[in-house]
Amino acid sequence: MRQGTIEIMLLALAFMSLQFWWIRITLKNGRTGEVDKWGQKTNPDKQSELEKTKKELEKIFRA
C-alpha cells in the first residue's frame, strides 16, 4: 500500500458517517414538525399563548 492510504480511508469513512448523521437528523426534524432557530420543536399551544399575551400587552400600551 502507498503512504497515506489508511489516512485517506479513515477521512473518507468519517466524512461518510457525518453525511449519514446529517441526513438522519434532517429527516427526523422534518417528520417531527416545525423547529425553531435553536433546533427545538415549536409548541403550537405555547405559540398561541404568546400571541394572546402579546395582544393583551399591545392593548394595555395603546391605552
PDB file of N, CA and C in Angstrom:
ATOM      1  N   MET A   1       0.841  -1.190   0.000  1.00  0.00           N
ATOM      2  CA  MET A   1       0.000   0.000   0.000  1.00  0.00           C
ATOM      3  C   MET A   1       0.880   1.245   0.000  1.00  0.00           C
ATOM      4  N   ARG A   2       0.370   2.270  -0.632  1.00  0.00           N
ATOM      5  CA  ARG A   2       1.125   3.509  -0.697  1.00  0.00           C
ATOM      6  C   ARG A   2       0.949   4.295   0.593  1.00  0.00           C
ATOM      7  N   GLN A   3       1.856   5.200   0.819  1.00  0.00           N
ATOM      8  CA  GLN A   3       1.839   6.003   2.030  1.00  0.00           C
ATOM      9  C   GLN A   3       0.608   6.924   2.029  1.00  0.00           C
ATOM     10  N   GLY A   4      -0.131   6.958   3.142  1.00  0.00           N
ATOM     11  CA  GLY A   4      -1.295   7.816   3.284  1.00  0.00           C
ATOM     12  C   GLY A   4      -2.612   7.159   2.925  1.00  0.00           C
ATOM     13  N   THR A   5      -2.595   5.904   2.479  1.00  0.00           N
ATOM     14  CA  THR A   5      -3.832   5.228   2.077  1.00  0.00           C
ATOM     15  C   THR A   5      -4.767   5.040   3.264  1.00  0.00           C
ATOM     16  N   ILE A   6      -4.218   4.639   4.376  1.00  0.00           N
ATOM     17  CA  ILE A   6      -5.044   4.400   5.573  1.00  0.00           C
ATOM     18  C   ILE A   6      -5.655   5.710   6.067  1.00  0.00           C
ATOM     19  N   GLU A   7      -4.882   6.770   6.042  1.00  0.00           N
ATOM     20  CA  GLU A   7      -5.385   8.065   6.493  1.00  0.00           C
ATOM     21  C   GLU A   7      -6.521   8.565   5.605  1.00  0.00           C
ATOM     22  N   ILE A   8      -6.373   8.383   4.299  1.00  0.00           N
ATOM     23  CA  ILE A   8      -7.422   8.804   3.358  1.00  0.00           C
ATOM     24  C   ILE A   8      -8.679   7.974   3.585  1.00  0.00           C
ATOM     25  N   MET A   9      -8.511   6.679   3.808  1.00  0.00           N
ATOM     26  CA  MET A   9      -9.672   5.815   4.052  1.00  0.00           C
ATOM     27  C   MET A   9     -10.387   6.225   5.339  1.00  0.00           C
ATOM     28  N   LEU A  10      -9.642   6.555   6.383  1.00  0.00           N
ATOM     29  CA  LEU A  10     -10.260   6.989   7.638  1.00  0.00           C
ATOM     30  C   LEU A  10     -10.985   8.324   7.468  1.00  0.00           C
ATOM     31  N   LEU A  11     -10.388   9.229   6.711  1.00  0.00           N
ATOM     32  CA  LEU A  11     -11.023  10.513   6.436  1.00  0.00           C
ATOM     33  C   LEU A  11     -12.322  10.320   5.649  1.00  0.00           C
ATOM     34  N   ALA A  12     -12.299   9.461   4.651  1.00  0.00           N
ATOM     35  CA  ALA A  12     -13.495   9.188   3.850  1.00  0.00           C
ATOM     36  C   ALA A  12     -14.580   8.540   4.708  1.00  0.00           C
ATOM     37  N   LEU A  13     -14.192   7.633   5.588  1.00  0.00           N
ATOM     38  CA  LEU A  13     -15.151   6.985   6.479  1.00  0.00           C
ATOM     39  C   LEU A  13     -15.779   7.997   7.434  1.00  0.00           C
ATOM     40  N   ALA A  14     -14.969   8.886   7.991  1.00  0.00           N
ATOM     41  CA  ALA A  14     -15.501   9.915   8.885  1.00  0.00           C
ATOM     42  C   ALA A  14     -16.444  10.848   8.129  1.00  0.00           C
ATOM     43  N   PHE A  15     -16.095  11.234   6.913  1.00  0.00           N
ATOM     44  CA  PHE A  15     -16.941  12.107   6.110  1.00  0.00           C
ATOM     45  C   PHE A  15     -18.275  11.443   5.803  1.00  0.00           C
ATOM     46  N   MET A  16     -18.241  10.184   5.400  1.00  0.00           N
ATOM     47  CA  MET A  16     -19.483   9.472   5.077  1.00  0.00           C
ATOM     48  C   MET A  16     -20.361   9.295   6.304  1.00  0.00           C
ATOM     49  N   SER A  17     -19.748   9.012   7.447  1.00  0.00           N
ATOM     50  CA  SER A  17     -20.559   8.852   8.667  1.00  0.00           C
ATOM     51  C   SER A  17     -21.201  10.175   9.062  1.00  0.00           C
ATOM     52  N   LEU A  18     -20.505  11.299   8.891  1.00  0.00           N
ATOM     53  CA  LEU A  18     -21.102  12.599   9.168  1.00  0.00           C
ATOM     54  C   LEU A  18     -22.234  12.907   8.189  1.00  0.00           C
ATOM     55  N   GLN A  19     -22.078  12.518   6.936  1.00  0.00           N
ATOM     56  CA  GLN A  19     -23.135  12.728   5.956  1.00  0.00           C
ATOM     57  C   GLN A  19     -24.390  11.931   6.324  1.00  0.00           C
ATOM     58  N   PHE A  20     -24.233  10.673   6.699  1.00  0.00           N
ATOM     59  CA  PHE A  20     -25.378   9.858   7.107  1.00  0.00           C
ATOM     60  C   PHE A  20     -26.037  10.429   8.352  1.00  0.00           C
ATOM     61  N   TRP A  21     -25.226  10.896   9.297  1.00  0.00           N
ATOM     62  CA  TRP A  21     -25.783  11.513  10.517  1.00  0.00           C
ATOM     63  C   TRP A  21     -26.586  12.759  10.160  1.00  0.00           C
ATOM     64  N   TRP A  22     -26.044  13.615   9.299  1.00  0.00           N
ATOM     65  CA  TRP A  22     -26.720  14.862   8.903  1.00  0.00           C
ATOM     66  C   TRP A  22     -28.052  14.568   8.205  1.00  0.00           C
ATOM     67  N   ILE A  23     -28.048  13.604   7.313  1.00  0.00           N
ATOM     68  CA  ILE A  23     -29.284  13.246   6.602  1.00  0.00           C
ATOM     69  C   ILE A  23     -30.311  12.692   7.589  1.00  0.00           C
ATOM     70  N   ARG A  24     -29.887  11.845   8.515  1.00  0.00           N
ATOM     71  CA  ARG A  24     -30.797  11.270   9.501  1.00  0.00           C
ATOM     72  C   ARG A  24     -31.419  12.354  10.370  1.00  0.00           C
ATOM     73  N   ILE A  25     -30.621  13.307  10.836  1.00  0.00           N
ATOM     74  CA  ILE A  25     -31.134  14.389  11.670  1.00  0.00           C
ATOM     75  C   ILE A  25     -32.090  15.264  10.871  1.00  0.00           C
ATOM     76  N   THR A  26     -31.750  15.549   9.618  1.00  0.00           N
ATOM     77  CA  THR A  26     -32.610  16.379   8.772  1.00  0.00           C
ATOM     78  C   THR A  26     -33.961  15.707   8.553  1.00  0.00           C
ATOM     79  N   LEU A  27     -33.959  14.432   8.261  1.00  0.00           N
ATOM     80  CA  LEU A  27     -35.220  13.721   8.065  1.00  0.00           C
ATOM     81  C   LEU A  27     -36.022  13.638   9.355  1.00  0.00           C
ATOM     82  N   LYS A  28     -35.343  13.417  10.452  1.00  0.00           N
ATOM     83  CA  LYS A  28     -36.029  13.333  11.744  1.00  0.00           C
ATOM     84  C   LYS A  28     -36.702  14.665  12.075  1.00  0.00           C
ATOM     85  N   ASN A  29     -36.018  15.778  11.871  1.00  0.00           N
ATOM     86  CA  ASN A  29     -36.604  17.087  12.138  1.00  0.00           C
ATOM     87  C   ASN A  29     -37.768  17.369  11.204  1.00  0.00           C
ATOM     88  N   GLY A  30     -37.703  16.888   9.979  1.00  0.00           N
ATOM     89  CA  GLY A  30     -38.791  17.095   9.038  1.00  0.00           C
ATOM     90  C   GLY A  30     -40.037  16.338   9.430  1.00  0.00           C
ATOM     91  N   ARG A  31     -39.880  15.179  10.045  1.00  0.00           N
ATOM     92  CA  ARG A  31     -41.026  14.362  10.438  1.00  0.00           C
ATOM     93  C   ARG A  31     -41.677  14.849  11.725  1.00  0.00           C
ATOM     94  N   THR A  32     -40.915  15.448  12.615  1.00  0.00           N
ATOM     95  CA  THR A  32     -41.444  15.804  13.923  1.00  0.00           C
ATOM     96  C   THR A  32     -42.144  17.142  13.946  1.00  0.00           C
ATOM     97  N   GLY A  33     -42.079  17.901  12.882  1.00  0.00           N
ATOM     98  CA  GLY A  33     -42.781  19.173  12.846  1.00  0.00           C
ATOM     99  C   GLY A  33     -41.839  20.351  12.744  1.00  0.00           C
ATOM    100  N   GLU A  34     -42.369  21.499  13.052  1.00  0.00           N
ATOM    101  CA  GLU A  34     -41.603  22.731  12.935  1.00  0.00           C
ATOM    102  C   GLU A  34     -40.516  22.806  13.992  1.00  0.00           C
ATOM    103  N   VAL A  35     -39.398  23.388  13.607  1.00  0.00           N
ATOM    104  CA  VAL A  35     -38.263  23.536  14.507  1.00  0.00           C
ATOM    105  C   VAL A  35     -37.878  25.005  14.508  1.00  0.00           C
ATOM    106  N   ASP A  36     -37.642  25.561  15.699  1.00  0.00           N
ATOM    107  CA  ASP A  36     -37.247  26.969  15.763  1.00  0.00           C
ATOM    108  C   ASP A  36     -35.771  27.122  15.423  1.00  0.00           C
ATOM    109  N   LYS A  37     -35.270  28.348  15.518  1.00  0.00           N
ATOM    110  CA  LYS A  37     -33.898  28.595  15.069  1.00  0.00           C
ATOM    111  C   LYS A  37     -32.844  27.964  15.958  1.00  0.00           C
ATOM    112  N   TRP A  38     -33.215  27.489  17.146  1.00  0.00           N
ATOM    113  CA  TRP A  38     -32.258  26.807  18.017  1.00  0.00           C
ATOM    114  C   TRP A  38     -32.373  25.298  17.913  1.00  0.00           C
ATOM    115  N   GLY A  39     -33.208  24.804  17.009  1.00  0.00           N
ATOM    116  CA  GLY A  39     -33.331  23.371  16.810  1.00  0.00           C
ATOM    117  C   GLY A  39     -34.337  22.706  17.726  1.00  0.00           C
ATOM    118  N   GLN A  40     -35.087  23.474  18.474  1.00  0.00           N
ATOM    119  CA  GLN A  40     -36.093  22.908  19.370  1.00  0.00           C
ATOM    120  C   GLN A  40     -37.439  22.853  18.657  1.00  0.00           C
ATOM    121  N   LYS A  41     -38.236  21.832  19.010  1.00  0.00           N
ATOM    122  CA  LYS A  41     -39.570  21.741  18.429  1.00  0.00           C
ATOM    123  C   LYS A  41     -40.431  22.875  18.944  1.00  0.00           C
ATOM    124  N   THR A  42     -41.230  23.455  18.049  1.00  0.00           N
ATOM    125  CA  THR A  42     -42.140  24.510  18.473  1.00  0.00           C
ATOM    126  C   THR A  42     -43.431  23.889  18.962  1.00  0.00           C
ATOM    127  N   ASN A  43     -44.030  24.527  19.928  1.00  0.00           N
ATOM    128  CA  ASN A  43     -45.270  24.042  20.511  1.00  0.00           C
ATOM    129  C   ASN A  43     -46.391  24.989  20.081  1.00  0.00           C
ATOM    130  N   PRO A  44     -47.374  24.520  19.293  1.00  0.00           N
ATOM    131  CA  PRO A  44     -48.424  25.417  18.814  1.00  0.00           C
ATOM    132  C   PRO A  44     -49.238  26.033  19.951  1.00  0.00           C
ATOM    133  N   ASP A  45     -49.457  25.298  21.035  1.00  0.00           N
ATOM    134  CA  ASP A  45     -50.201  25.844  22.168  1.00  0.00           C
ATOM    135  C   ASP A  45     -49.433  26.999  22.801  1.00  0.00           C
ATOM    136  N   LYS A  46     -48.124  26.819  22.925  1.00  0.00           N
ATOM    137  CA  LYS A  46     -47.291  27.861  23.505  1.00  0.00           C
ATOM    138  C   LYS A  46     -47.286  29.092  22.607  1.00  0.00           C
ATOM    139  N   GLN A  47     -47.256  28.880  21.301  1.00  0.00           N
ATOM    140  CA  GLN A  47     -47.270  29.999  20.363  1.00  0.00           C
ATOM    141  C   GLN A  47     -48.570  30.783  20.496  1.00  0.00           C
ATOM    142  N   SER A  48     -49.708  30.078  20.633  1.00  0.00           N
ATOM    143  CA  SER A  48     -50.976  30.779  20.740  1.00  0.00           C
ATOM    144  C   SER A  48     -51.049  31.556  22.058  1.00  0.00           C
ATOM    145  N   GLU A  49     -50.485  30.997  23.122  1.00  0.00           N
ATOM    146  CA  GLU A  49     -50.447  31.714  24.400  1.00  0.00           C
ATOM    147  C   GLU A  49     -49.607  32.979  24.274  1.00  0.00           C
ATOM    148  N   LEU A  50     -48.508  32.895  23.575  1.00  0.00           N
ATOM    149  CA  LEU A  50     -47.660  34.064  23.367  1.00  0.00           C
ATOM    150  C   LEU A  50     -48.393  35.125  22.555  1.00  0.00           C
ATOM    151  N   GLU A  51     -49.121  34.683  21.546  1.00  0.00           N
ATOM    152  CA  GLU A  51     -49.879  35.632  20.735  1.00  0.00           C
ATOM    153  C   GLU A  51     -50.950  36.332  21.570  1.00  0.00           C
ATOM    154  N   LYS A  52     -51.645  35.585  22.437  1.00  0.00           N
ATOM    155  CA  LYS A  52     -52.673  36.176  23.305  1.00  0.00           C
ATOM    156  C   LYS A  52     -52.049  37.202  24.245  1.00  0.00           C
ATOM    157  N   THR A  53     -50.922  36.849  24.843  1.00  0.00           N
ATOM    158  CA  THR A  53     -50.236  37.756  25.758  1.00  0.00           C
ATOM    159  C   THR A  53     -49.760  39.002  25.014  1.00  0.00           C
ATOM    160  N   LYS A  54     -49.246  38.802  23.816  1.00  0.00           N
ATOM    161  CA  LYS A  54     -48.779  39.928  23.013  1.00  0.00           C
ATOM    162  C   LYS A  54     -49.928  40.890  22.709  1.00  0.00           C
ATOM    163  N   LYS A  55     -51.079  40.358  22.325  1.00  0.00           N
ATOM    164  CA  LYS A  55     -52.223  41.209  22.009  1.00  0.00           C
ATOM    165  C   LYS A  55     -52.713  41.958  23.247  1.00  0.00           C
ATOM    166  N   GLU A  56     -52.717  41.273  24.402  1.00  0.00           N
ATOM    167  CA  GLU A  56     -53.136  41.930  25.650  1.00  0.00           C
ATOM    168  C   GLU A  56     -52.190  43.086  25.996  1.00  0.00           C
ATOM    169  N   LEU A  57     -50.900  42.859  25.859  1.00  0.00           N
ATOM    170  CA  LEU A  57     -49.922  43.903  26.161  1.00  0.00           C
ATOM    171  C   LEU A  57     -50.032  45.063  25.182  1.00  0.00           C
ATOM    172  N   GLU A  58     -50.311  44.769  23.914  1.00  0.00           N
ATOM    173  CA  GLU A  58     -50.494  45.841  22.933  1.00  0.00           C
ATOM    174  C   GLU A  58     -51.705  46.692  23.284  1.00  0.00           C
ATOM    175  N   LYS A  59     -52.787  46.064  23.770  1.00  0.00           N
ATOM    176  CA  LYS A  59     -53.983  46.808  24.174  1.00  0.00           C
ATOM    177  C   LYS A  59     -53.667  47.711  25.357  1.00  0.00           C
ATOM    178  N   ILE A  60     -52.880  47.198  26.313  1.00  0.00           N
ATOM    179  CA  ILE A  60     -52.535  47.968  27.506  1.00  0.00           C
ATOM    180  C   ILE A  60     -51.687  49.178  27.117  1.00  0.00           C
ATOM    181  N   PHE A  61     -50.695  48.974  26.258  1.00  0.00           N
ATOM    182  CA  PHE A  61     -49.791  50.071  25.913  1.00  0.00           C
ATOM    183  C   PHE A  61     -50.425  51.094  24.972  1.00  0.00           C
ATOM    184  N   ARG A  62     -51.434  50.704  24.223  1.00  0.00           N
ATOM    185  CA  ARG A  62     -52.116  51.651  23.341  1.00  0.00           C
ATOM    186  C   ARG A  62     -53.033  52.595  24.131  1.00  0.00           C
ATOM    187  N   ALA A  63     -53.533  52.103  25.262  1.00  0.00           N
ATOM    188  CA  ALA A  63     -54.481  52.913  26.052  1.00  0.00           C
ATOM    189  C   ALA A  63     -53.787  54.030  26.810  1.00  0.00           C
TER     190      ALA A  63
END
